[in-house]
């Protein structure tokens, strides 16, 4: 099928389009531009074959720039493009101009990937054509390309990060769900308020639609003077157990929070409640999300490599009834490390510290009274933790930081952990 070109883009495609970033979203943008007959140039400092610099002459020869979420608002290339009069669109905005179906947008500090995948899964079980997309490794632009822009009964369940939300102009959601908020990405956002406001932009793009916010979002909204719609509040913290979720991934926190938000949206959509519970019974978590890896000599090993911020680690620790052996560390994303260690001290039997933040974590462990070991590598951490552990212990990889100091991704980190455990 043909893919109609949005009116906004037609005059901008007379000249080459500059695509900033050659990752998953950038490659999808290049493919879609090629499909509609537009000429595009890729700009990426590390991608083979891409232009390594974006200079004033190049700014004047491109009228449209489509950028990946890794490019901050004040990136020099974007500042130059704006000063030259270019129209600059984030990848979600670009894709949103083509999409003709429904959008359920999901954001939050933690849980947003699971909630995105679960809602798409549950909708599929009631015969809705729903796809998980966005910040889940399957870009919105790729979905647009593969579905010819969607049709009116197709649903994009779209995970939206703060990096994506903060620049939204044209993207429009029919529903937006904000799971929670806690310290994260403070290496890019200058304050918690700036981080909150970046995500709030998604609610601004949910004009006339359904908006739902978890308990922590409600607290921060009140603190920052933002008014939520009266029916947006969902009580997601401290809720009683639900016997119908026994044995599912949503039986305990932190995943319990995701089900409560999914159920609130499901109810608004008028869908059968028991179908959602049936979906919960069948749903399986993606890898690297608090999953049991193995039991060795009575010690249980857990992979929670996707925990890349403090809130995720704290959520994982609530699952255990006893203090755990915890592998922590990685590339800093900002936040108060000392306060974080004070909070998790009662749940941490011994911390094994890796990565760029290991020294700062060690200082915080001393102040918090947490037993700890500095480990140069993940391999060393696993071996030392295994020697320290006794039968009945739980050894948890829940790093609390980004993986990019020592690994290609959190998936790479989790895979290496599982390989190390298997070789014990």
Foldseek 3Di string as FASTA:
>chain_A
DAFDDFPVCVVQQVFEEEEEDDDLLSVLVCVVCVRVPGHYAYEYCPDPPHNPDCDLVNLLRGQEYEYELVAACVRPNNVSNVVNNHHYHYSLLNLQSRAAEAEEEEEEPDDRLVLLVLLQLLCVLVPQQEDEEAPNSHHSSNVCVVCSRYHHRYYYHYYDYLSNQQPDDRHAHQEYEYQAYDDFLCVRQVDSVSSLVSVCSNVVRNPPHHAAYEDRNVVVCVVVVHDDPPLRYFHQPPDDADPLLPPFPLRAPPNVSSLSRSQSVCVVVVHDNVSSSVSRNVDDDDPQCFAWQDADQQETETGNLVQAALVSVVRSLVVDPAAAEEEAEEDDSDDDLLVSCLVCQRRHQEYEYEYDCRVVNVVSCVVNVHHYHYDHDPLRSVVVRVVVDHRPHYYYYNHRHFHPRPAPGSVRVRVVNSVSVVVD
